[in-house]
Amino acid sequence: MNADPTAEAKSLADLQEQARNWWVRVHSGTMDTVEHSRFQTWLKANPLHQSAFEDINSLWRELDGIKDLIADVMPATKPKPRRNAHWRWAIPALAACLLVAVLYPSASIMLRTDIAETRTVQLMDGSTVQLNSETALSINITPTTRELTLLQGEAQFTVSPDPNRPFKVRAGNGIVTALGTAFNVRHNRQGVEVTVTEHRVAVKLDGNPANQTTETIVAQGQQVAYDPDNGLSAVKTVDTHIATAWQRGKLVVQDKPLGEVLAELNHYHRGYFIVSDPAIAQHRINGVFNTDNPIGALNAIEKFQHLHSTRLSHYLVLLHR
């Protein structure tokens, strides 16, 4: 290899180069036990290492998928002398370059969490992101930019200061720019909710809808929501301890409809909680529940709301009168 893959990545390009170097070594068939141990250490050192290595694997799976197409478009030729054997590698190498250009136009890395999974990752710039369950986050950090996209779910961002590279998070139809340290972004079907836990952020929406505010500043202890139909809400003061309870394994519910509470619990349950009657779905719920025990939360709701349930094991639970 040209570089020591165990060295700490200083940028996204460094990380991807390390992943490519390790991929070549792993598939060379010549790794000894010491080098294999070094590879495992590198892989486990940071979740971003695992993601980068999986991206390289995905790239080569794509290349395998088009090799027959490459063969189809190449003209039939007679066997070449051995001195031209290197041309066997030219077409696959060219195809790999094309795939890199298509699959990695912005050299971004994707982080995902599954149902009932949370994850904390330190980014290459020193910032930290904590992902709630069922969250997808695209990360693009270069020497000149820090741009992330929250595709779905919820994440808490603790930002490392860098005045030359603003830290921006796109979610839905808006962009959140850090003006300080820490903030929480939640992105679901209803829209986006931004809660600031330290310092301030700037929120700016795409476009310029008539008679709608498109920019605002949100300070510590405040929250704002937005969506394409309604634009920005008014900034309001909230209890950030409640808004970020998920980070401590808690779901705090204050006068919320039962339907919304069940939708929240479903993020932490490998199955489905549903309600049969729209009227029941509007029952108001208060409580503090453990996200690692959604069945226990459901049992408590069923008891205190005087409801009944029909269950197909724990996978499917129907609440009814």
C-alpha atoms as a PDB file:
ATOM      1  CA  MET A   1       0.000   0.000   0.000  1.00  0.00           C
ATOM      2  CA  ASN A   2       1.060   3.597  -0.563  1.00  0.00           C
ATOM      3  CA  ALA A   3      -0.021   4.728   2.891  1.00  0.00           C
ATOM      4  CA  ASP A   4      -0.438   3.250   6.334  1.00  0.00           C
ATOM      5  CA  PRO A   5      -4.168   2.474   6.568  1.00  0.00           C
ATOM      6  CA  THR A   6      -4.083   2.678  10.360  1.00  0.00           C
ATOM      7  CA  ALA A   7      -3.307   6.418  10.287  1.00  0.00           C
ATOM      8  CA  GLU A   8      -6.177   8.626  11.447  1.00  0.00           C
ATOM      9  CA  ALA A   9      -8.171  10.099   8.585  1.00  0.00           C
ATOM     10  CA  LYS A  10      -7.815  13.886   8.366  1.00  0.00           C
ATOM     11  CA  SER A  11     -10.469  14.367   5.712  1.00  0.00           C
ATOM     12  CA  LEU A  12     -13.133  12.523   3.809  1.00  0.00           C
ATOM     13  CA  ALA A  13     -10.670  11.944   0.960  1.00  0.00           C
ATOM     14  CA  ASP A  14      -8.159  10.426   3.411  1.00  0.00           C
ATOM     15  CA  LEU A  15     -10.818   8.132   4.809  1.00  0.00           C
ATOM     16  CA  GLN A  16     -11.882   6.915   1.389  1.00  0.00           C
ATOM     17  CA  GLU A  17      -8.259   6.338   0.381  1.00  0.00           C
ATOM     18  CA  GLN A  18      -7.711   4.274   3.518  1.00  0.00           C
ATOM     19  CA  ALA A  19     -10.841   2.237   2.726  1.00  0.00           C
ATOM     20  CA  ARG A  20      -9.671   1.641  -0.865  1.00  0.00           C
ATOM     21  CA  ASN A  21      -6.205   0.608   0.322  1.00  0.00           C
ATOM     22  CA  TRP A  22      -7.647  -1.841   2.800  1.00  0.00           C
ATOM     23  CA  TRP A  23     -10.070  -3.216   0.180  1.00  0.00           C
ATOM     24  CA  VAL A  24      -7.153  -3.971  -2.132  1.00  0.00           C
ATOM     25  CA  ARG A  25      -5.198  -5.683   0.647  1.00  0.00           C
ATOM     26  CA  VAL A  26      -8.194  -7.730   1.852  1.00  0.00           C
ATOM     27  CA  HIS A  27      -8.932  -8.979  -1.669  1.00  0.00           C
ATOM     28  CA  SER A  28      -5.296  -9.590  -2.562  1.00  0.00           C
ATOM     29  CA  GLY A  29      -5.217 -12.912  -0.740  1.00  0.00           C
ATOM     30  CA  THR A  30      -1.796 -12.103   0.751  1.00  0.00           C
ATOM     31  CA  MET A  31      -2.723 -10.621   4.148  1.00  0.00           C
ATOM     32  CA  ASP A  32      -1.045 -12.292   7.121  1.00  0.00           C
ATOM     33  CA  THR A  33      -2.548 -12.526  10.615  1.00  0.00           C
ATOM     34  CA  VAL A  34      -0.826  -9.362  11.829  1.00  0.00           C
ATOM     35  CA  GLU A  35      -2.141  -7.273   8.931  1.00  0.00           C
ATOM     36  CA  HIS A  36      -5.595  -8.812   9.285  1.00  0.00           C
ATOM     37  CA  SER A  37      -5.586  -7.795  12.960  1.00  0.00           C
ATOM     38  CA  ARG A  38      -4.603  -4.229  11.968  1.00  0.00           C
ATOM     39  CA  PHE A  39      -7.468  -4.161   9.478  1.00  0.00           C
ATOM     40  CA  GLN A  40      -9.983  -5.246  12.132  1.00  0.00           C
ATOM     41  CA  THR A  41      -8.650  -2.580  14.509  1.00  0.00           C
ATOM     42  CA  TRP A  42      -9.049   0.106  11.840  1.00  0.00           C
ATOM     43  CA  LEU A  43     -12.544  -1.118  10.957  1.00  0.00           C
ATOM     44  CA  LYS A  44     -13.746  -0.963  14.576  1.00  0.00           C
ATOM     45  CA  ALA A  45     -12.032   2.310  15.467  1.00  0.00           C
ATOM     46  CA  ASN A  46     -14.812   4.487  14.044  1.00  0.00           C
ATOM     47  CA  PRO A  47     -18.240   3.771  12.498  1.00  0.00           C
ATOM     48  CA  LEU A  48     -17.227   5.987   9.578  1.00  0.00           C
ATOM     49  CA  HIS A  49     -14.486   3.465   8.732  1.00  0.00           C
ATOM     50  CA  GLN A  50     -17.092   0.713   8.465  1.00  0.00           C
ATOM     51  CA  SER A  51     -19.329   2.907   6.298  1.00  0.00           C
ATOM     52  CA  ALA A  52     -16.472   3.847   3.959  1.00  0.00           C
ATOM     53  CA  PHE A  53     -15.391   0.225   3.554  1.00  0.00           C
ATOM     54  CA  GLU A  54     -18.992  -0.857   2.869  1.00  0.00           C
ATOM     55  CA  ASP A  55     -19.217   1.880   0.208  1.00  0.00           C
ATOM     56  CA  ILE A  56     -16.186   0.408  -1.580  1.00  0.00           C
ATOM     57  CA  ASN A  57     -17.715  -3.063  -1.410  1.00  0.00           C
ATOM     58  CA  SER A  58     -20.957  -1.729  -2.874  1.00  0.00           C
ATOM     59  CA  LEU A  59     -19.043  -0.058  -5.691  1.00  0.00           C
ATOM     60  CA  TRP A  60     -17.395  -3.316  -6.708  1.00  0.00           C
ATOM     61  CA  ARG A  61     -20.674  -5.204  -6.491  1.00  0.00           C
ATOM     62  CA  GLU A  62     -22.007  -2.652  -8.997  1.00  0.00           C
ATOM     63  CA  LEU A  63     -18.967  -3.303 -11.198  1.00  0.00           C
ATOM     64  CA  ASP A  64     -19.625  -7.045 -11.106  1.00  0.00           C
ATOM     65  CA  GLY A  65     -23.160  -6.319 -12.210  1.00  0.00           C
ATOM     66  CA  ILE A  66     -22.055  -4.524 -15.398  1.00  0.00           C
ATOM     67  CA  LYS A  67     -19.153  -6.746 -16.454  1.00  0.00           C
ATOM     68  CA  ASP A  68     -21.409  -8.739 -18.806  1.00  0.00           C
ATOM     69  CA  LEU A  69     -22.582  -5.484 -20.376  1.00  0.00           C
ATOM     70  CA  ILE A  70     -18.963  -4.461 -20.899  1.00  0.00           C
ATOM     71  CA  ALA A  71     -18.266  -7.775 -22.622  1.00  0.00           C
ATOM     72  CA  ASP A  72     -21.310  -7.351 -24.879  1.00  0.00           C
ATOM     73  CA  VAL A  73     -20.197  -3.982 -26.253  1.00  0.00           C
ATOM     74  CA  MET A  74     -16.569  -4.991 -26.862  1.00  0.00           C
ATOM     75  CA  PRO A  75     -15.812  -6.216 -30.419  1.00  0.00           C
ATOM     76  CA  ALA A  76     -14.755  -9.819 -30.841  1.00  0.00           C
ATOM     77  CA  THR A  77     -11.005 -10.100 -31.262  1.00  0.00           C
ATOM     78  CA  LYS A  78      -8.384 -12.758 -31.738  1.00  0.00           C
ATOM     79  CA  PRO A  79      -6.157 -13.615 -28.777  1.00  0.00           C
ATOM     80  CA  LYS A  80      -3.497 -10.959 -28.289  1.00  0.00           C
ATOM     81  CA  PRO A  81       0.183 -11.547 -27.570  1.00  0.00           C
ATOM     82  CA  ARG A  82       1.108 -11.597 -23.914  1.00  0.00           C
ATOM     83  CA  ARG A  83       2.686  -8.137 -24.137  1.00  0.00           C
ATOM     84  CA  ASN A  84      -0.819  -6.669 -24.522  1.00  0.00           C
ATOM     85  CA  ALA A  85      -2.345  -8.598 -21.624  1.00  0.00           C
ATOM     86  CA  HIS A  86      -2.580  -5.417 -19.534  1.00  0.00           C
ATOM     87  CA  TRP A  87      -5.498  -4.283 -21.729  1.00  0.00           C
ATOM     88  CA  ARG A  88      -7.620  -6.907 -19.983  1.00  0.00           C
ATOM     89  CA  TRP A  89      -7.683  -4.547 -17.031  1.00  0.00           C
ATOM     90  CA  ALA A  90      -8.282  -1.309 -18.924  1.00  0.00           C
ATOM     91  CA  ILE A  91     -12.026  -1.671 -19.473  1.00  0.00           C
ATOM     92  CA  PRO A  92     -12.894  -2.773 -15.910  1.00  0.00           C
ATOM     93  CA  ALA A  93     -10.709   0.030 -14.550  1.00  0.00           C
ATOM     94  CA  LEU A  94     -12.462   2.563 -16.785  1.00  0.00           C
ATOM     95  CA  ALA A  95     -15.837   1.215 -15.695  1.00  0.00           C
ATOM     96  CA  ALA A  96     -14.786   1.544 -12.058  1.00  0.00           C
ATOM     97  CA  CYS A  97     -13.821   5.189 -12.618  1.00  0.00           C
ATOM     98  CA  LEU A  98     -17.179   5.877 -14.232  1.00  0.00           C
ATOM     99  CA  LEU A  99     -18.987   4.228 -11.347  1.00  0.00           C
ATOM    100  CA  VAL A 100     -17.070   6.310  -8.829  1.00  0.00           C
ATOM    101  CA  ALA A 101     -18.124   9.456 -10.684  1.00  0.00           C
ATOM    102  CA  VAL A 102     -21.778   8.361 -10.728  1.00  0.00           C
ATOM    103  CA  LEU A 103     -22.050   6.897  -7.242  1.00  0.00           C
ATOM    104  CA  TYR A 104     -19.881   9.421  -5.416  1.00  0.00           C
ATOM    105  CA  PRO A 105     -20.445  12.815  -7.066  1.00  0.00           C
ATOM    106  CA  SER A 106     -20.075  14.608  -3.734  1.00  0.00           C
ATOM    107  CA  ALA A 107     -17.943  11.996  -1.959  1.00  0.00           C
ATOM    108  CA  SER A 108     -20.519  11.729   0.829  1.00  0.00           C
ATOM    109  CA  ILE A 109     -20.908   9.038   3.456  1.00  0.00           C
ATOM    110  CA  MET A 110     -24.266   7.699   4.609  1.00  0.00           C
ATOM    111  CA  LEU A 111     -25.066   6.786   8.215  1.00  0.00           C
ATOM    112  CA  ARG A 112     -28.190   4.803   9.082  1.00  0.00           C
ATOM    113  CA  THR A 113     -29.791   3.392  12.205  1.00  0.00           C
ATOM    114  CA  ASP A 114     -32.283   0.556  12.378  1.00  0.00           C
ATOM    115  CA  ILE A 115     -35.441   0.207  14.457  1.00  0.00           C
ATOM    116  CA  ALA A 116     -34.642   0.484  18.180  1.00  0.00           C
ATOM    117  CA  GLU A 117     -31.038   1.481  17.391  1.00  0.00           C
ATOM    118  CA  THR A 118     -29.305   4.687  18.415  1.00  0.00           C
ATOM    119  CA  ARG A 119     -25.765   5.587  17.463  1.00  0.00           C
ATOM    120  CA  THR A 120     -23.169   8.218  18.337  1.00  0.00           C
ATOM    121  CA  VAL A 121     -20.460   9.074  15.802  1.00  0.00           C
ATOM    122  CA  GLN A 122     -17.558  11.500  15.952  1.00  0.00           C
ATOM    123  CA  LEU A 123     -17.108  13.211  12.603  1.00  0.00           C
ATOM    124  CA  MET A 124     -13.774  13.938  10.977  1.00  0.00           C
ATOM    125  CA  ASP A 125     -13.959  17.630  11.891  1.00  0.00           C
ATOM    126  CA  GLY A 126     -14.319  16.823  15.596  1.00  0.00           C
ATOM    127  CA  SER A 127     -18.093  17.347  15.697  1.00  0.00           C
ATOM    128  CA  THR A 128     -20.350  14.679  17.162  1.00  0.00           C
ATOM    129  CA  VAL A 129     -23.705  13.429  15.919  1.00  0.00           C
ATOM    130  CA  GLN A 130     -26.100  11.206  17.850  1.00  0.00           C
ATOM    131  CA  LEU A 131     -28.692   9.416  15.710  1.00  0.00           C
ATOM    132  CA  ASN A 132     -32.086   8.291  16.971  1.00  0.00           C
ATOM    133  CA  SER A 133     -33.719   5.106  15.675  1.00  0.00           C
ATOM    134  CA  GLU A 134     -34.677   4.779  11.977  1.00  0.00           C
ATOM    135  CA  THR A 135     -32.521   7.737  10.976  1.00  0.00           C
ATOM    136  CA  ALA A 136     -30.603   8.332   7.734  1.00  0.00           C
ATOM    137  CA  LEU A 137     -27.921  11.007   7.525  1.00  0.00           C
ATOM    138  CA  SER A 138     -25.672  11.906   4.586  1.00  0.00           C
ATOM    139  CA  ILE A 139     -22.316  13.486   5.528  1.00  0.00           C
ATOM    140  CA  ASN A 140     -20.173  15.572   3.191  1.00  0.00           C
ATOM    141  CA  ILE A 141     -17.141  17.072   4.950  1.00  0.00           C
ATOM    142  CA  THR A 142     -14.294  18.441   2.855  1.00  0.00           C
ATOM    143  CA  PRO A 143     -11.437  20.863   3.531  1.00  0.00           C
ATOM    144  CA  THR A 144     -13.760  23.735   2.553  1.00  0.00           C
ATOM    145  CA  THR A 145     -17.309  22.643   3.489  1.00  0.00           C
ATOM    146  CA  ARG A 146     -19.361  20.856   6.148  1.00  0.00           C
ATOM    147  CA  GLU A 147     -22.732  19.919   4.697  1.00  0.00           C
ATOM    148  CA  LEU A 148     -25.004  17.182   6.046  1.00  0.00           C
ATOM    149  CA  THR A 149     -28.465  16.044   4.974  1.00  0.00           C
ATOM    150  CA  LEU A 150     -30.940  14.498   7.412  1.00  0.00           C
ATOM    151  CA  LEU A 151     -33.047  12.377   5.076  1.00  0.00           C
ATOM    152  CA  GLN A 152     -35.288  11.046   7.835  1.00  0.00           C
ATOM    153  CA  GLY A 153     -35.376  10.551  11.572  1.00  0.00           C
ATOM    154  CA  GLU A 154     -33.753  12.577  14.323  1.00  0.00           C
ATOM    155  CA  ALA A 155     -30.240  13.600  15.275  1.00  0.00           C
ATOM    156  CA  GLN A 156     -28.434  15.739  17.823  1.00  0.00           C
ATOM    157  CA  PHE A 157     -25.452  17.702  16.508  1.00  0.00           C
ATOM    158  CA  THR A 158     -22.632  18.939  18.741  1.00  0.00           C
ATOM    159  CA  VAL A 159     -20.512  21.141  16.502  1.00  0.00           C
ATOM    160  CA  SER A 160     -16.765  21.693  16.604  1.00  0.00           C
ATOM    161  CA  PRO A 161     -16.065  25.395  15.882  1.00  0.00           C
ATOM    162  CA  ASP A 162     -14.555  26.230  12.496  1.00  0.00           C
ATOM    163  CA  PRO A 163     -15.325  29.768  11.235  1.00  0.00           C
ATOM    164  CA  ASN A 164     -14.007  28.930   7.769  1.00  0.00           C
ATOM    165  CA  ARG A 165     -16.394  25.992   7.308  1.00  0.00           C
ATOM    166  CA  PRO A 166     -19.999  26.684   8.393  1.00  0.00           C
ATOM    167  CA  PHE A 167     -21.733  23.561   9.719  1.00  0.00           C
ATOM    168  CA  LYS A 168     -24.983  23.128   7.765  1.00  0.00           C
ATOM    169  CA  VAL A 169     -27.717  20.501   8.041  1.00  0.00           C
ATOM    170  CA  ARG A 170     -30.334  20.229   5.318  1.00  0.00           C
ATOM    171  CA  ALA A 171     -33.647  18.705   6.387  1.00  0.00           C
ATOM    172  CA  GLY A 172     -36.764  18.810   4.254  1.00  0.00           C
ATOM    173  CA  ASN A 173     -37.182  22.192   2.574  1.00  0.00           C
ATOM    174  CA  GLY A 174     -34.764  24.069   4.794  1.00  0.00           C
ATOM    175  CA  ILE A 175     -31.165  24.431   5.971  1.00  0.00           C
ATOM    176  CA  VAL A 176     -30.007  24.773   9.567  1.00  0.00           C
ATOM    177  CA  THR A 177     -26.674  26.562  10.046  1.00  0.00           C
ATOM    178  CA  ALA A 178     -24.895  26.292  13.394  1.00  0.00           C
ATOM    179  CA  LEU A 179     -24.051  29.602  15.059  1.00  0.00           C
ATOM    180  CA  GLY A 180     -22.844  27.858  18.185  1.00  0.00           C
ATOM    181  CA  THR A 181     -22.564  24.394  19.652  1.00  0.00           C
ATOM    182  CA  ALA A 182     -25.506  21.998  19.855  1.00  0.00           C
ATOM    183  CA  PHE A 183     -28.934  21.480  18.335  1.00  0.00           C
ATOM    184  CA  ASN A 184     -31.461  18.719  17.639  1.00  0.00           C
ATOM    185  CA  VAL A 185     -33.207  18.180  14.291  1.00  0.00           C
ATOM    186  CA  ARG A 186     -36.237  15.958  13.832  1.00  0.00           C
ATOM    187  CA  HIS A 187     -37.496  15.138  10.310  1.00  0.00           C
ATOM    188  CA  ASN A 188     -40.686  13.136   9.783  1.00  0.00           C
ATOM    189  CA  ARG A 189     -43.753  13.156   7.550  1.00  0.00           C
ATOM    190  CA  GLN A 190     -45.223  16.163   9.333  1.00  0.00           C
ATOM    191  CA  GLY A 191     -42.164  18.309   8.656  1.00  0.00           C
ATOM    192  CA  VAL A 192     -38.995  19.391  10.444  1.00  0.00           C
ATOM    193  CA  GLU A 193     -38.511  20.479  14.052  1.00  0.00           C
ATOM    194  CA  VAL A 194     -35.323  22.218  15.245  1.00  0.00           C
ATOM    195  CA  THR A 195     -34.496  22.514  18.955  1.00  0.00           C
ATOM    196  CA  VAL A 196     -31.419  24.401  20.147  1.00  0.00           C
ATOM    197  CA  THR A 197     -29.708  23.087  23.272  1.00  0.00           C
ATOM    198  CA  GLU A 198     -26.653  25.373  23.203  1.00  0.00           C
ATOM    199  CA  HIS A 199     -26.027  28.796  21.613  1.00  0.00           C
ATOM    200  CA  ARG A 200     -27.941  29.544  18.370  1.00  0.00           C
ATOM    201  CA  VAL A 201     -28.744  28.353  14.841  1.00  0.00           C
ATOM    202  CA  ALA A 202     -30.009  30.065  11.691  1.00  0.00           C
ATOM    203  CA  VAL A 203     -32.870  28.403   9.815  1.00  0.00           C
ATOM    204  CA  LYS A 204     -33.529  29.284   6.182  1.00  0.00           C
ATOM    205  CA  LEU A 205     -36.186  27.793   3.903  1.00  0.00           C
ATOM    206  CA  ASP A 206     -35.882  27.158   0.170  1.00  0.00           C
ATOM    207  CA  GLY A 207     -37.634  29.512  -2.221  1.00  0.00           C
ATOM    208  CA  ASN A 208     -39.535  32.659  -1.343  1.00  0.00           C
ATOM    209  CA  PRO A 209     -43.242  31.932  -0.842  1.00  0.00           C
ATOM    210  CA  ALA A 210     -45.435  35.013  -0.783  1.00  0.00           C
ATOM    211  CA  ASN A 211     -46.217  36.485   2.635  1.00  0.00           C
ATOM    212  CA  GLN A 212     -44.112  33.885   4.458  1.00  0.00           C
ATOM    213  CA  THR A 213     -41.031  34.323   6.610  1.00  0.00           C
ATOM    214  CA  THR A 214     -38.198  32.229   5.225  1.00  0.00           C
ATOM    215  CA  GLU A 215     -35.410  32.947   7.742  1.00  0.00           C
ATOM    216  CA  THR A 216     -35.139  33.020  11.516  1.00  0.00           C
ATOM    217  CA  ILE A 217     -32.675  32.709  14.382  1.00  0.00           C
ATOM    218  CA  VAL A 218     -33.345  30.104  17.077  1.00  0.00           C
ATOM    219  CA  ALA A 219     -31.600  30.561  20.423  1.00  0.00           C
ATOM    220  CA  GLN A 220     -30.789  28.156  23.231  1.00  0.00           C
ATOM    221  CA  GLY A 221     -33.937  26.735  24.808  1.00  0.00           C
ATOM    222  CA  GLN A 222     -36.046  27.543  21.745  1.00  0.00           C
ATOM    223  CA  GLN A 223     -37.666  25.510  18.995  1.00  0.00           C
ATOM    224  CA  VAL A 224     -39.018  26.136  15.512  1.00  0.00           C
ATOM    225  CA  ALA A 225     -40.874  23.912  13.052  1.00  0.00           C
ATOM    226  CA  TYR A 226     -41.332  24.143   9.297  1.00  0.00           C
ATOM    227  CA  ASP A 227     -42.760  22.300   6.294  1.00  0.00           C
ATOM    228  CA  PRO A 228     -43.401  23.084   2.591  1.00  0.00           C
ATOM    229  CA  ASP A 229     -47.072  23.939   3.116  1.00  0.00           C
ATOM    230  CA  ASN A 230     -46.951  26.123   6.217  1.00  0.00           C
ATOM    231  CA  GLY A 231     -43.460  27.572   6.137  1.00  0.00           C
ATOM    232  CA  LEU A 232     -41.810  28.555   9.417  1.00  0.00           C
ATOM    233  CA  SER A 233     -43.702  28.437  12.671  1.00  0.00           C
ATOM    234  CA  ALA A 234     -43.218  31.021  15.370  1.00  0.00           C
ATOM    235  CA  VAL A 235     -40.159  30.412  17.528  1.00  0.00           C
ATOM    236  CA  LYS A 236     -41.189  29.140  20.953  1.00  0.00           C
ATOM    237  CA  THR A 237     -39.538  28.346  24.266  1.00  0.00           C
ATOM    238  CA  VAL A 238     -39.387  24.643  25.147  1.00  0.00           C
ATOM    239  CA  ASP A 239     -37.983  22.340  27.800  1.00  0.00           C
ATOM    240  CA  THR A 240     -34.928  20.977  25.982  1.00  0.00           C
ATOM    241  CA  HIS A 241     -34.581  18.229  28.585  1.00  0.00           C
ATOM    242  CA  ILE A 242     -37.893  16.831  27.345  1.00  0.00           C
ATOM    243  CA  ALA A 243     -37.154  17.430  23.650  1.00  0.00           C
ATOM    244  CA  THR A 244     -33.912  15.452  23.897  1.00  0.00           C
ATOM    245  CA  ALA A 245     -35.172  12.717  26.248  1.00  0.00           C
ATOM    246  CA  TRP A 246     -34.656  10.123  23.494  1.00  0.00           C
ATOM    247  CA  GLN A 247     -30.911  10.543  23.984  1.00  0.00           C
ATOM    248  CA  ARG A 248     -31.365   9.130  27.500  1.00  0.00           C
ATOM    249  CA  GLY A 249     -33.643   6.296  26.402  1.00  0.00           C
ATOM    250  CA  LYS A 250     -36.866   8.055  27.386  1.00  0.00           C
ATOM    251  CA  LEU A 251     -40.030   9.105  25.571  1.00  0.00           C
ATOM    252  CA  VAL A 252     -41.695  12.000  27.396  1.00  0.00           C
ATOM    253  CA  VAL A 253     -45.314  12.544  26.370  1.00  0.00           C
ATOM    254  CA  GLN A 254     -47.288  15.637  27.325  1.00  0.00           C
ATOM    255  CA  ASP A 255     -50.913  15.796  26.215  1.00  0.00           C
ATOM    256  CA  LYS A 256     -50.332  14.082  22.865  1.00  0.00           C
ATOM    257  CA  PRO A 257     -52.880  12.045  20.865  1.00  0.00           C
ATOM    258  CA  LEU A 258     -52.606   8.296  21.315  1.00  0.00           C
ATOM    259  CA  GLY A 259     -52.080   7.828  17.565  1.00  0.00           C
ATOM    260  CA  GLU A 260     -48.969  10.005  17.654  1.00  0.00           C
ATOM    261  CA  VAL A 261     -47.641   8.214  20.727  1.00  0.00           C
ATOM    262  CA  LEU A 262     -48.035   4.812  19.063  1.00  0.00           C
ATOM    263  CA  ALA A 263     -46.220   6.121  15.983  1.00  0.00           C
ATOM    264  CA  GLU A 264     -43.348   7.166  18.271  1.00  0.00           C
ATOM    265  CA  LEU A 265     -43.244   3.801  20.015  1.00  0.00           C
ATOM    266  CA  ASN A 266     -43.167   2.025  16.648  1.00  0.00           C
ATOM    267  CA  HIS A 267     -39.716   3.554  16.052  1.00  0.00           C
ATOM    268  CA  TYR A 268     -38.438   1.428  18.926  1.00  0.00           C
ATOM    269  CA  HIS A 269     -40.420  -1.756  18.283  1.00  0.00           C
ATOM    270  CA  ARG A 270     -39.856  -4.449  15.679  1.00  0.00           C
ATOM    271  CA  GLY A 271     -43.520  -4.746  14.868  1.00  0.00           C
ATOM    272  CA  TYR A 272     -46.614  -2.580  14.757  1.00  0.00           C
ATOM    273  CA  PHE A 273     -48.819  -0.919  17.340  1.00  0.00           C
ATOM    274  CA  ILE A 274     -52.073   0.246  15.749  1.00  0.00           C
ATOM    275  CA  VAL A 275     -55.427   1.562  16.899  1.00  0.00           C
ATOM    276  CA  SER A 276     -58.736   0.493  15.371  1.00  0.00           C
ATOM    277  CA  ASP A 277     -60.875   3.552  16.072  1.00  0.00           C
ATOM    278  CA  PRO A 278     -60.030   7.154  15.030  1.00  0.00           C
ATOM    279  CA  ALA A 279     -61.776   8.377  18.170  1.00  0.00           C
ATOM    280  CA  ILE A 280     -59.447   6.280  20.323  1.00  0.00           C
ATOM    281  CA  ALA A 281     -56.467   7.621  18.399  1.00  0.00           C
ATOM    282  CA  GLN A 282     -57.371  11.118  19.698  1.00  0.00           C
ATOM    283  CA  HIS A 283     -57.193  10.105  23.379  1.00  0.00           C
ATOM    284  CA  ARG A 284     -54.741  12.437  25.146  1.00  0.00           C
ATOM    285  CA  ILE A 285     -51.705  10.753  26.674  1.00  0.00           C
ATOM    286  CA  ASN A 286     -49.244  11.845  29.361  1.00  0.00           C
ATOM    287  CA  GLY A 287     -46.336   9.838  30.667  1.00  0.00           C
ATOM    288  CA  VAL A 288     -42.665   8.947  30.619  1.00  0.00           C
ATOM    289  CA  PHE A 289     -41.792   5.674  28.895  1.00  0.00           C
ATOM    290  CA  ASN A 290     -38.585   3.702  28.376  1.00  0.00           C
ATOM    291  CA  THR A 291     -37.762   3.409  24.682  1.00  0.00           C
ATOM    292  CA  ASP A 292     -36.031   0.065  25.290  1.00  0.00           C
ATOM    293  CA  ASN A 293     -39.343  -1.405  26.514  1.00  0.00           C
ATOM    294  CA  PRO A 294     -42.075  -0.375  24.057  1.00  0.00           C
ATOM    295  CA  ILE A 295     -44.269  -3.343  25.040  1.00  0.00           C
ATOM    296  CA  GLY A 296     -44.181  -2.159  28.644  1.00  0.00           C
ATOM    297  CA  ALA A 297     -45.172   1.333  27.498  1.00  0.00           C
ATOM    298  CA  LEU A 298     -48.066  -0.079  25.486  1.00  0.00           C
ATOM    299  CA  ASN A 299     -49.250  -2.156  28.467  1.00  0.00           C
ATOM    300  CA  ALA A 300     -49.287   0.953  30.666  1.00  0.00           C
ATOM    301  CA  ILE A 301     -51.237   2.943  28.070  1.00  0.00           C
ATOM    302  CA  GLU A 302     -53.743   0.124  27.645  1.00  0.00           C
ATOM    303  CA  LYS A 303     -54.283  -0.071  31.403  1.00  0.00           C
ATOM    304  CA  PHE A 304     -54.650   3.631  32.176  1.00  0.00           C
ATOM    305  CA  GLN A 305     -56.770   4.359  29.099  1.00  0.00           C
ATOM    306  CA  HIS A 306     -59.061   1.423  29.941  1.00  0.00           C
ATOM    307  CA  LEU A 307     -58.544  -0.140  26.523  1.00  0.00           C
ATOM    308  CA  HIS A 308     -58.168  -3.706  25.297  1.00  0.00           C
ATOM    309  CA  SER A 309     -55.763  -5.269  22.840  1.00  0.00           C
ATOM    310  CA  THR A 310     -55.684  -8.075  20.315  1.00  0.00           C
ATOM    311  CA  ARG A 311     -52.158  -9.412  19.795  1.00  0.00           C
ATOM    312  CA  LEU A 312     -50.403 -11.508  17.198  1.00  0.00           C
ATOM    313  CA  SER A 313     -47.486 -12.194  19.544  1.00  0.00           C
ATOM    314  CA  HIS A 314     -45.681  -8.906  20.195  1.00  0.00           C
ATOM    315  CA  TYR A 315     -45.305  -8.222  16.497  1.00  0.00           C
ATOM    316  CA  LEU A 316     -48.809  -6.895  15.822  1.00  0.00           C
ATOM    317  CA  VAL A 317     -50.867  -5.274  18.599  1.00  0.00           C
ATOM    318  CA  LEU A 318     -54.289  -3.763  17.917  1.00  0.00           C
ATOM    319  CA  LEU A 319     -55.716  -1.427  20.572  1.00  0.00           C
ATOM    320  CA  HIS A 320     -59.496  -1.176  20.802  1.00  0.00           C
ATOM    321  CA  ARG A 321     -62.341  -0.542  23.247  1.00  0.00           C
END
